[in-house]
């Protein structure tokens, strides 16, 4: 079991294929507690600044300050699976309204 819940905004060590972007990145926990207990891993959606126009599958975080973020942000339609030890710390949590928006986006993105 992990100490993270769906909707938590965390800092995760992210190492993409291009090493120039490696480092700590904000992300939102999207996996359920059941998934986390069964697999011992978490599903995350990456967070990026909202300086650009949202792409298909992105979700704007309206209450970004409440979520522990330092600027206007959006949840990108990019999912990854990580072990809990890849998470540096929790920053905050999505508001109920933002969590519902993300849930809707995930349903569309995954065809559920």
Protein backbone atom coordinates (compact mmCIF):
# COMPACT_ATOMS: atom_id res chain seq x y z
CA UNK A 1 0.00 0.00 0.00
CA UNK A 2 1.18 3.52 -0.77
CA UNK A 3 0.63 6.80 1.00
CA UNK A 4 -0.90 8.38 -2.10
CA UNK A 5 -4.51 8.72 -3.21
CA UNK A 6 -6.16 9.42 -6.53
CA UNK A 7 -6.02 13.17 -7.15
CA UNK A 8 -2.83 13.77 -5.17
CA UNK A 9 -0.33 16.02 -6.91
CA UNK A 10 3.20 14.71 -6.42
CA UNK A 11 6.75 15.38 -7.56
CA UNK A 12 8.10 12.35 -9.40
CA UNK A 13 11.54 11.66 -10.78
CA UNK A 14 10.83 11.41 -14.50
CA UNK A 15 13.36 10.14 -16.99
CA UNK A 16 12.02 10.33 -20.55
CA UNK A 17 13.90 9.01 -23.56
CA UNK A 18 15.43 12.44 -24.07
CA UNK A 19 17.75 12.97 -21.11
CA UNK A 20 17.50 16.77 -21.44
CA UNK A 21 14.09 16.65 -19.72
CA UNK A 22 15.03 14.29 -16.89
CA UNK A 23 14.35 15.45 -13.35
CA UNK A 24 11.56 16.10 -10.90
CA UNK A 25 8.19 16.76 -12.54
CA UNK A 26 4.75 17.30 -11.07
CA UNK A 27 2.17 14.61 -11.75
CA UNK A 28 -1.28 13.57 -10.56
CA UNK A 29 -2.03 10.14 -9.12
CA UNK A 30 -4.78 8.57 -11.26
CA UNK A 31 -4.65 4.97 -10.01
CA UNK A 32 -7.08 3.60 -7.48
CA UNK A 33 -6.06 2.27 -4.08
CA UNK A 34 -7.01 -1.22 -5.29
CA UNK A 35 -4.59 -0.94 -8.23
CA UNK A 36 -1.83 0.36 -5.97
CA UNK A 37 -2.30 -2.46 -3.45
CA UNK A 38 -2.44 -5.16 -6.12
CA UNK A 39 0.52 -3.98 -8.17
CA UNK A 40 2.59 -2.00 -5.70
CA UNK A 41 2.83 0.76 -8.32
CA UNK A 42 1.04 3.99 -9.17
CA UNK A 43 -0.39 5.33 -12.41
CA UNK A 44 0.39 9.01 -12.86
CA UNK A 45 -0.56 11.70 -15.36
CA UNK A 46 2.13 14.31 -15.98
CA UNK A 47 1.46 17.97 -15.20
CA UNK A 48 2.85 20.81 -17.30
CA UNK A 49 2.57 24.58 -17.23
CA UNK A 50 -0.44 26.03 -19.01
CA UNK A 51 1.65 28.44 -21.10
CA UNK A 52 0.51 26.66 -24.23
CA UNK A 53 -2.93 25.85 -25.53
CA UNK A 54 -4.23 22.52 -24.19
CA UNK A 55 -3.85 19.58 -26.59
CA UNK A 56 -6.36 16.82 -27.10
CA UNK A 57 -6.56 14.81 -23.86
CA UNK A 58 -5.21 17.59 -21.61
CA UNK A 59 -7.12 18.87 -18.56
CA UNK A 60 -6.74 22.45 -17.30
CA UNK A 61 -6.21 22.68 -13.52
CA UNK A 62 -8.34 25.63 -12.44
CA UNK A 63 -7.45 25.47 -8.73
CA UNK A 64 -3.71 25.08 -9.35
CA UNK A 65 -2.64 26.89 -6.19
CA UNK A 66 -4.80 24.59 -4.02
CA UNK A 67 -3.10 21.64 -5.74
CA UNK A 68 0.31 22.85 -4.54
CA UNK A 69 1.45 24.08 -7.96
CA UNK A 70 3.31 27.36 -8.45
CA UNK A 71 1.65 28.42 -11.73
CA UNK A 72 -1.30 27.77 -13.97
CA UNK A 73 -1.00 24.16 -15.10
CA UNK A 74 -2.68 21.37 -16.95
CA UNK A 75 -2.68 17.60 -16.70
CA UNK A 76 -1.23 16.27 -19.92
CA UNK A 77 -2.70 13.22 -21.61
CA UNK A 78 0.55 11.36 -20.79
CA UNK A 79 0.32 8.43 -18.37
CA UNK A 80 3.15 6.54 -16.72
CA UNK A 81 3.54 3.77 -14.17
CA UNK A 82 6.03 4.27 -11.34
CA UNK A 83 7.14 2.60 -8.16
CA UNK A 84 6.32 4.62 -5.04
CA UNK A 85 10.03 5.24 -4.40
CA UNK A 86 10.17 7.35 -7.60
CA UNK A 87 8.01 9.96 -5.85
CA UNK A 88 9.86 12.70 -4.01
CA UNK A 89 6.90 14.19 -2.13
CA UNK A 90 3.26 15.19 -2.23
CA UNK A 91 2.54 18.81 -3.18
CA UNK A 92 -1.22 18.90 -2.67
CA UNK A 93 -4.43 17.52 -4.11
CA UNK A 94 -6.78 18.42 -6.94
CA UNK A 95 -9.97 20.20 -5.98
CA UNK A 96 -13.16 18.17 -6.41
CA UNK A 97 -14.01 20.17 -9.53
CA UNK A 98 -10.58 19.59 -11.10
CA UNK A 99 -10.67 15.89 -10.14
CA UNK A 100 -14.02 15.52 -11.92
CA UNK A 101 -12.64 17.26 -15.04
CA UNK A 102 -9.64 14.92 -15.06
CA UNK A 103 -11.90 11.89 -14.62
CA UNK A 104 -13.93 12.98 -17.66
CA UNK A 105 -10.78 13.49 -19.73
CA UNK A 106 -9.43 10.06 -18.77
CA UNK A 107 -12.71 8.43 -19.81
CA UNK A 108 -12.50 10.09 -23.23
CA UNK A 109 -8.76 9.43 -23.66
CA UNK A 110 -9.10 5.74 -22.78
CA UNK A 111 -12.41 5.19 -24.52
CA UNK A 112 -14.23 4.16 -21.33
